[in-house]
Amino acid sequence: MSRTRTRAAASAKQASPQEMVANLAVLASVFAWAGVVVTLFVH
């Protein structure tokens, strides 16, 4: 947690669009895994 906090503190100085991109990537991966699981259960 300390590493993420230091990253947030360091990126807080900037506009930090990288955090938004990272969050979108995580959400996309989560939805992709959810789709795979749903397809496996459906088939």
N, C-alpha and C. Protein backbone atom coordinates (compact mmCIF):
# COMPACT_ATOMS: atom_id res chain seq x y z
N MET A 1 0.84 -1.20 0.00
CA MET A 1 0.00 0.00 0.00
C MET A 1 0.87 1.25 0.00
N SER A 2 2.01 1.17 0.66
CA SER A 2 2.88 2.35 0.75
C SER A 2 3.38 2.74 -0.64
N ARG A 3 3.65 1.75 -1.47
CA ARG A 3 4.14 2.05 -2.82
C ARG A 3 3.07 2.78 -3.62
N THR A 4 1.84 2.31 -3.53
CA THR A 4 0.76 2.96 -4.28
C THR A 4 0.54 4.37 -3.75
N ARG A 5 0.67 4.54 -2.44
CA ARG A 5 0.48 5.87 -1.86
C ARG A 5 1.57 6.82 -2.35
N THR A 6 2.80 6.33 -2.40
CA THR A 6 3.89 7.17 -2.89
C THR A 6 3.67 7.51 -4.36
N ARG A 7 3.18 6.54 -5.12
CA ARG A 7 2.90 6.81 -6.53
C ARG A 7 1.81 7.86 -6.66
N ALA A 8 0.76 7.74 -5.86
CA ALA A 8 -0.34 8.70 -5.92
C ALA A 8 0.17 10.08 -5.53
N ALA A 9 1.02 10.14 -4.51
CA ALA A 9 1.54 11.43 -4.06
C ALA A 9 2.44 12.03 -5.14
N ALA A 10 3.22 11.19 -5.80
CA ALA A 10 4.11 11.69 -6.85
C ALA A 10 3.33 12.11 -8.08
N SER A 11 2.28 11.36 -8.41
CA SER A 11 1.49 11.68 -9.61
C SER A 11 0.44 12.74 -9.31
N ALA A 12 0.21 13.03 -8.03
CA ALA A 12 -0.80 14.03 -7.67
C ALA A 12 -0.36 15.41 -8.18
N LYS A 13 0.96 15.60 -8.31
CA LYS A 13 1.46 16.89 -8.81
C LYS A 13 1.05 17.08 -10.27
N GLN A 14 1.00 15.98 -11.03
CA GLN A 14 0.63 16.08 -12.43
C GLN A 14 -0.88 15.92 -12.58
N ALA A 15 -1.35 15.95 -13.84
CA ALA A 15 -2.78 15.76 -14.09
C ALA A 15 -3.15 14.31 -13.83
N SER A 16 -2.15 13.41 -13.90
CA SER A 16 -2.33 11.98 -13.64
C SER A 16 -3.37 11.34 -14.56
N PRO A 17 -3.19 11.46 -15.88
CA PRO A 17 -4.10 10.72 -16.79
C PRO A 17 -3.73 9.25 -16.84
N GLN A 18 -2.49 8.93 -16.40
CA GLN A 18 -2.04 7.54 -16.40
C GLN A 18 -2.90 6.71 -15.46
N GLU A 19 -3.30 7.29 -14.32
CA GLU A 19 -4.13 6.55 -13.37
C GLU A 19 -5.47 6.21 -14.01
N MET A 20 -6.03 7.15 -14.78
CA MET A 20 -7.32 6.90 -15.44
C MET A 20 -7.15 5.77 -16.46
N VAL A 21 -6.05 5.80 -17.20
CA VAL A 21 -5.81 4.75 -18.20
C VAL A 21 -5.64 3.41 -17.51
N ALA A 22 -4.92 3.40 -16.38
CA ALA A 22 -4.72 2.14 -15.64
C ALA A 22 -6.06 1.61 -15.14
N ASN A 23 -6.90 2.50 -14.62
CA ASN A 23 -8.21 2.07 -14.12
C ASN A 23 -9.04 1.51 -15.27
N LEU A 24 -9.00 2.17 -16.42
CA LEU A 24 -9.76 1.68 -17.58
C LEU A 24 -9.24 0.31 -18.01
N ALA A 25 -7.93 0.14 -17.97
CA ALA A 25 -7.35 -1.15 -18.37
C ALA A 25 -7.79 -2.24 -17.41
N VAL A 26 -7.81 -1.93 -16.11
CA VAL A 26 -8.24 -2.92 -15.11
C VAL A 26 -9.70 -3.28 -15.34
N LEU A 27 -10.53 -2.25 -15.56
CA LEU A 27 -11.96 -2.51 -15.79
C LEU A 27 -12.14 -3.35 -17.06
N ALA A 28 -11.38 -3.03 -18.10
CA ALA A 28 -11.50 -3.78 -19.35
C ALA A 28 -11.11 -5.24 -19.13
N SER A 29 -10.02 -5.48 -18.39
CA SER A 29 -9.59 -6.86 -18.13
C SER A 29 -10.63 -7.60 -17.30
N VAL A 30 -11.21 -6.90 -16.32
CA VAL A 30 -12.24 -7.53 -15.48
C VAL A 30 -13.44 -7.92 -16.32
N PHE A 31 -13.88 -7.00 -17.19
CA PHE A 31 -15.03 -7.31 -18.04
C PHE A 31 -14.69 -8.44 -19.01
N ALA A 32 -13.46 -8.47 -19.50
CA ALA A 32 -13.06 -9.53 -20.42
C ALA A 32 -13.11 -10.88 -19.71
N TRP A 33 -12.56 -10.95 -18.49
CA TRP A 33 -12.60 -12.21 -17.73
C TRP A 33 -14.04 -12.59 -17.43
N ALA A 34 -14.88 -11.59 -17.10
CA ALA A 34 -16.30 -11.88 -16.81
C ALA A 34 -16.96 -12.47 -18.06
N GLY A 35 -16.65 -11.91 -19.23
CA GLY A 35 -17.22 -12.44 -20.47
C GLY A 35 -16.77 -13.87 -20.72
N VAL A 36 -15.49 -14.15 -20.46
CA VAL A 36 -14.98 -15.52 -20.66
C VAL A 36 -15.69 -16.49 -19.72
N VAL A 37 -15.84 -16.10 -18.47
CA VAL A 37 -16.51 -16.97 -17.49
C VAL A 37 -17.96 -17.20 -17.90
N VAL A 38 -18.63 -16.13 -18.34
CA VAL A 38 -20.04 -16.26 -18.75
C VAL A 38 -20.15 -17.20 -19.94
N THR A 39 -19.26 -17.04 -20.92
CA THR A 39 -19.32 -17.90 -22.11
C THR A 39 -19.05 -19.35 -21.71
N LEU A 40 -18.12 -19.58 -20.80
CA LEU A 40 -17.82 -20.95 -20.37
C LEU A 40 -19.03 -21.55 -19.68
N PHE A 41 -19.70 -20.77 -18.83
CA PHE A 41 -20.86 -21.30 -18.12
C PHE A 41 -22.04 -21.49 -19.07
N VAL A 42 -22.18 -20.59 -20.05
CA VAL A 42 -23.30 -20.71 -20.99
C VAL A 42 -23.11 -21.95 -21.85
N HIS A 43 -21.89 -22.14 -22.36
CA HIS A 43 -21.64 -23.33 -23.18
C HIS A 43 -21.40 -24.51 -22.26
